Amino acid sequence: MRLKMIAVAVSVLCLMVGSAFAADVTGTWVAEMAPPQSGPGGSPSGGPGGGPGGGGPMKFTFNLKAKGSSLSGTMIGPMGNENEIIDGKIDNDNVSFAVKVNRMGNEMKINYKGTVSGDEMKLTYTMEGGMGGPPGGGGMPPMELIAKRQK
């Protein structure tokens, strides 16, 4: 009986310590990237979540909220469209989440994976559906973003 209580206490302590070392991602993060020169078929294309095909850098704002190992929030794309973050997870300094967007009548899912180091989050994203191609590949290659924490 006593051994069982010790095992339960150790398990609870391990869970608490594990979540204490999870990356602190709650807050606002901003990433900018140069717009792509052209999309499939040579047409102008914006980055994840829709955006202009030309001009200055495209801005992406991630408003994140961490609760344990879950991640939620919103992403605001270059055109000001706000999309809910889904399937968000945090594992130590690793993050992953997705955003569903509707762009010119095409629904896409953008999957983000990355790492957090201090006030910088390096993300790789892939697109499914719409102009991103079918789930599982065949679309655009993975792209990278670096988001900075806003203070």
C-alpha atoms as a PDB file:
ATOM      1  CA  MET A   1       0.000   0.000   0.000  1.00  0.00           C
ATOM      2  CA  ARG A   2       2.763   2.407   0.947  1.00  0.00           C
ATOM      3  CA  LEU A   3       4.696   1.582  -2.238  1.00  0.00           C
ATOM      4  CA  LYS A   4       1.588   2.323  -4.288  1.00  0.00           C
ATOM      5  CA  MET A   5       1.199   5.760  -2.650  1.00  0.00           C
ATOM      6  CA  ILE A   6       4.855   6.571  -3.330  1.00  0.00           C
ATOM      7  CA  ALA A   7       4.450   5.555  -6.990  1.00  0.00           C
ATOM      8  CA  VAL A   8       1.381   7.803  -7.361  1.00  0.00           C
ATOM      9  CA  ALA A   9       3.199  10.737  -5.710  1.00  0.00           C
ATOM     10  CA  VAL A  10       6.211  10.298  -8.004  1.00  0.00           C
ATOM     11  CA  SER A  11       3.922  10.154 -11.068  1.00  0.00           C
ATOM     12  CA  VAL A  12       2.141  13.359 -10.081  1.00  0.00           C
ATOM     13  CA  LEU A  13       5.455  15.083  -9.402  1.00  0.00           C
ATOM     14  CA  CYS A  14       6.787  14.039 -12.843  1.00  0.00           C
ATOM     15  CA  LEU A  15       3.691  15.468 -14.532  1.00  0.00           C
ATOM     16  CA  MET A  16       4.062  18.738 -12.644  1.00  0.00           C
ATOM     17  CA  VAL A  17       7.762  19.026 -13.460  1.00  0.00           C
ATOM     18  CA  GLY A  18       7.137  18.213 -17.128  1.00  0.00           C
ATOM     19  CA  SER A  19       4.577  20.982 -17.497  1.00  0.00           C
ATOM     20  CA  ALA A  20       6.826  23.410 -15.609  1.00  0.00           C
ATOM     21  CA  PHE A  21       9.453  23.031 -18.335  1.00  0.00           C
ATOM     22  CA  ALA A  22       7.021  23.530 -21.213  1.00  0.00           C
ATOM     23  CA  ALA A  23       7.766  26.589 -23.307  1.00  0.00           C
ATOM     24  CA  ASP A  24       5.977  29.755 -22.263  1.00  0.00           C
ATOM     25  CA  VAL A  25       4.163  30.686 -25.476  1.00  0.00           C
ATOM     26  CA  THR A  26       1.195  32.637 -24.124  1.00  0.00           C
ATOM     27  CA  GLY A  27       1.111  36.067 -25.720  1.00  0.00           C
ATOM     28  CA  THR A  28       1.355  37.778 -29.094  1.00  0.00           C
ATOM     29  CA  TRP A  29       3.902  36.661 -31.677  1.00  0.00           C
ATOM     30  CA  VAL A  30       4.531  38.409 -35.012  1.00  0.00           C
ATOM     31  CA  ALA A  31       6.235  37.026 -38.117  1.00  0.00           C
ATOM     32  CA  GLU A  32       6.961  38.772 -41.394  1.00  0.00           C
ATOM     33  CA  MET A  33       7.941  37.244 -44.688  1.00  0.00           C
ATOM     34  CA  ALA A  34       8.471  38.440 -48.232  1.00  0.00           C
ATOM     35  CA  PRO A  35       5.505  37.633 -50.463  1.00  0.00           C
ATOM     36  CA  PRO A  36       6.001  34.785 -52.931  1.00  0.00           C
ATOM     37  CA  GLN A  37       6.717  35.878 -56.503  1.00  0.00           C
ATOM     38  CA  SER A  38       3.910  33.749 -57.885  1.00  0.00           C
ATOM     39  CA  GLY A  39       1.695  30.862 -56.942  1.00  0.00           C
ATOM     40  CA  PRO A  40       0.690  27.768 -58.893  1.00  0.00           C
ATOM     41  CA  GLY A  41       0.069  28.596 -62.546  1.00  0.00           C
ATOM     42  CA  GLY A  42       2.008  31.848 -62.244  1.00  0.00           C
ATOM     43  CA  SER A  43      -0.732  33.701 -60.381  1.00  0.00           C
ATOM     44  CA  PRO A  44       0.145  35.941 -57.431  1.00  0.00           C
ATOM     45  CA  SER A  45      -0.112  34.138 -54.141  1.00  0.00           C
ATOM     46  CA  GLY A  46       0.019  35.211 -50.539  1.00  0.00           C
ATOM     47  CA  GLY A  47       1.449  33.102 -47.743  1.00  0.00           C
ATOM     48  CA  PRO A  48      -0.457  31.178 -45.104  1.00  0.00           C
ATOM     49  CA  GLY A  49      -3.907  32.525 -44.388  1.00  0.00           C
ATOM     50  CA  GLY A  50      -4.128  34.617 -47.532  1.00  0.00           C
ATOM     51  CA  GLY A  51      -2.405  37.791 -48.464  1.00  0.00           C
ATOM     52  CA  PRO A  52      -1.336  40.091 -51.222  1.00  0.00           C
ATOM     53  CA  GLY A  53       0.882  38.740 -53.973  1.00  0.00           C
ATOM     54  CA  GLY A  54       3.150  41.783 -54.136  1.00  0.00           C
ATOM     55  CA  GLY A  55       4.310  44.803 -52.211  1.00  0.00           C
ATOM     56  CA  GLY A  56       5.990  44.795 -48.827  1.00  0.00           C
ATOM     57  CA  PRO A  57       6.407  42.014 -46.309  1.00  0.00           C
ATOM     58  CA  MET A  58       3.418  39.955 -45.228  1.00  0.00           C
ATOM     59  CA  LYS A  59       2.667  40.091 -41.495  1.00  0.00           C
ATOM     60  CA  PHE A  60       1.258  37.212 -39.457  1.00  0.00           C
ATOM     61  CA  THR A  61       0.121  37.703 -35.871  1.00  0.00           C
ATOM     62  CA  PHE A  62      -0.324  34.711 -33.582  1.00  0.00           C
ATOM     63  CA  ASN A  63      -2.275  35.356 -30.384  1.00  0.00           C
ATOM     64  CA  LEU A  64      -1.491  32.246 -28.349  1.00  0.00           C
ATOM     65  CA  LYS A  65      -2.776  30.893 -25.061  1.00  0.00           C
ATOM     66  CA  ALA A  66      -1.153  27.890 -23.400  1.00  0.00           C
ATOM     67  CA  LYS A  67      -2.933  25.776 -20.816  1.00  0.00           C
ATOM     68  CA  GLY A  68      -0.865  22.788 -19.749  1.00  0.00           C
ATOM     69  CA  SER A  69       0.087  20.963 -22.937  1.00  0.00           C
ATOM     70  CA  SER A  70      -2.778  22.524 -24.942  1.00  0.00           C
ATOM     71  CA  LEU A  71      -2.408  25.535 -27.200  1.00  0.00           C
ATOM     72  CA  SER A  72      -5.231  27.725 -28.495  1.00  0.00           C
ATOM     73  CA  GLY A  73      -5.691  31.208 -29.901  1.00  0.00           C
ATOM     74  CA  THR A  74      -5.942  32.924 -33.260  1.00  0.00           C
ATOM     75  CA  MET A  75      -3.820  33.780 -36.261  1.00  0.00           C
ATOM     76  CA  ILE A  76      -4.340  37.057 -38.122  1.00  0.00           C
ATOM     77  CA  GLY A  77      -3.119  36.924 -41.721  1.00  0.00           C
ATOM     78  CA  PRO A  78      -1.765  39.738 -43.923  1.00  0.00           C
ATOM     79  CA  MET A  79      -5.247  40.721 -45.119  1.00  0.00           C
ATOM     80  CA  GLY A  80      -6.520  41.016 -41.533  1.00  0.00           C
ATOM     81  CA  ASN A  81      -8.440  37.755 -41.609  1.00  0.00           C
ATOM     82  CA  GLU A  82      -8.568  36.123 -38.175  1.00  0.00           C
ATOM     83  CA  ASN A  83      -8.610  32.321 -37.959  1.00  0.00           C
ATOM     84  CA  GLU A  84      -8.918  30.065 -34.929  1.00  0.00           C
ATOM     85  CA  ILE A  85      -5.983  27.864 -33.980  1.00  0.00           C
ATOM     86  CA  ILE A  86      -6.946  24.192 -33.759  1.00  0.00           C
ATOM     87  CA  ASP A  87      -5.185  21.019 -32.645  1.00  0.00           C
ATOM     88  CA  GLY A  88      -2.625  23.046 -30.650  1.00  0.00           C
ATOM     89  CA  LYS A  89      -0.069  21.176 -28.556  1.00  0.00           C
ATOM     90  CA  ILE A  90       3.020  22.070 -26.523  1.00  0.00           C
ATOM     91  CA  ASP A  91       5.698  19.540 -25.624  1.00  0.00           C
ATOM     92  CA  ASN A  92       8.640  21.166 -23.828  1.00  0.00           C
ATOM     93  CA  ASP A  93       9.917  23.723 -26.370  1.00  0.00           C
ATOM     94  CA  ASN A  94       8.077  22.099 -29.319  1.00  0.00           C
ATOM     95  CA  VAL A  95       4.783  23.519 -30.560  1.00  0.00           C
ATOM     96  CA  SER A  96       2.318  22.341 -33.175  1.00  0.00           C
ATOM     97  CA  PHE A  97      -1.035  23.696 -34.291  1.00  0.00           C
ATOM     98  CA  ALA A  98      -3.213  24.137 -37.357  1.00  0.00           C
ATOM     99  CA  VAL A  99      -5.364  26.870 -38.867  1.00  0.00           C
ATOM    100  CA  LYS A 100      -8.216  26.395 -41.342  1.00  0.00           C
ATOM    101  CA  VAL A 101      -8.600  29.234 -43.837  1.00  0.00           C
ATOM    102  CA  ASN A 102     -10.918  29.939 -46.735  1.00  0.00           C
ATOM    103  CA  ARG A 103      -9.157  31.679 -49.569  1.00  0.00           C
ATOM    104  CA  MET A 104     -11.014  32.626 -52.724  1.00  0.00           C
ATOM    105  CA  GLY A 105     -13.524  29.835 -52.096  1.00  0.00           C
ATOM    106  CA  ASN A 106     -10.819  27.233 -51.414  1.00  0.00           C
ATOM    107  CA  GLU A 107     -10.615  25.784 -47.914  1.00  0.00           C
ATOM    108  CA  MET A 108      -7.094  25.026 -46.737  1.00  0.00           C
ATOM    109  CA  LYS A 109      -5.594  23.692 -43.552  1.00  0.00           C
ATOM    110  CA  ILE A 110      -2.206  25.101 -42.599  1.00  0.00           C
ATOM    111  CA  ASN A 111      -0.172  22.914 -40.245  1.00  0.00           C
ATOM    112  CA  TYR A 112       2.518  24.576 -38.142  1.00  0.00           C
ATOM    113  CA  LYS A 113       5.329  22.834 -36.232  1.00  0.00           C
ATOM    114  CA  GLY A 114       8.217  24.498 -34.526  1.00  0.00           C
ATOM    115  CA  THR A 115      10.355  25.266 -31.532  1.00  0.00           C
ATOM    116  CA  VAL A 116      10.385  28.097 -29.041  1.00  0.00           C
ATOM    117  CA  SER A 117      13.613  29.585 -27.743  1.00  0.00           C
ATOM    118  CA  GLY A 118      13.132  32.604 -25.493  1.00  0.00           C
ATOM    119  CA  ASP A 119      11.306  35.284 -27.470  1.00  0.00           C
ATOM    120  CA  GLU A 120      11.680  33.563 -30.846  1.00  0.00           C
ATOM    121  CA  MET A 121       9.547  30.824 -32.355  1.00  0.00           C
ATOM    122  CA  LYS A 122      10.806  29.041 -35.499  1.00  0.00           C
ATOM    123  CA  LEU A 123       7.892  27.537 -37.405  1.00  0.00           C
ATOM    124  CA  THR A 124       7.651  25.317 -40.455  1.00  0.00           C
ATOM    125  CA  TYR A 125       4.279  25.207 -42.144  1.00  0.00           C
ATOM    126  CA  THR A 126       2.652  23.036 -44.764  1.00  0.00           C
ATOM    127  CA  MET A 127      -0.665  23.539 -46.530  1.00  0.00           C
ATOM    128  CA  GLU A 128      -3.368  20.962 -47.256  1.00  0.00           C
ATOM    129  CA  GLY A 129      -6.237  21.408 -49.683  1.00  0.00           C
ATOM    130  CA  GLY A 130      -7.024  24.452 -51.799  1.00  0.00           C
ATOM    131  CA  MET A 131      -3.875  25.741 -53.464  1.00  0.00           C
ATOM    132  CA  GLY A 132      -1.787  23.725 -50.998  1.00  0.00           C
ATOM    133  CA  GLY A 133      -2.681  20.393 -52.587  1.00  0.00           C
ATOM    134  CA  PRO A 134      -4.267  17.268 -51.141  1.00  0.00           C
ATOM    135  CA  PRO A 135      -3.709  16.131 -47.547  1.00  0.00           C
ATOM    136  CA  GLY A 136      -0.540  14.123 -47.251  1.00  0.00           C
ATOM    137  CA  GLY A 137       1.497  16.007 -49.828  1.00  0.00           C
ATOM    138  CA  GLY A 138       1.519  16.891 -53.481  1.00  0.00           C
ATOM    139  CA  GLY A 139       1.174  20.599 -52.809  1.00  0.00           C
ATOM    140  CA  MET A 140       3.586  23.353 -51.908  1.00  0.00           C
ATOM    141  CA  PRO A 141       6.818  22.425 -50.119  1.00  0.00           C
ATOM    142  CA  PRO A 142       7.179  23.255 -46.400  1.00  0.00           C
ATOM    143  CA  MET A 143       7.954  26.914 -45.704  1.00  0.00           C
ATOM    144  CA  GLU A 144       9.562  28.582 -42.682  1.00  0.00           C
ATOM    145  CA  LEU A 145       8.573  31.541 -40.514  1.00  0.00           C
ATOM    146  CA  ILE A 146      10.281  33.123 -37.528  1.00  0.00           C
ATOM    147  CA  ALA A 147       7.894  34.769 -35.079  1.00  0.00           C
ATOM    148  CA  LYS A 148       9.049  37.203 -32.404  1.00  0.00           C
ATOM    149  CA  ARG A 149       7.276  37.684 -29.084  1.00  0.00           C
ATOM    150  CA  GLN A 150       5.722  41.143 -28.734  1.00  0.00           C
ATOM    151  CA  LYS A 151       6.213  42.826 -25.371  1.00  0.00           C
END
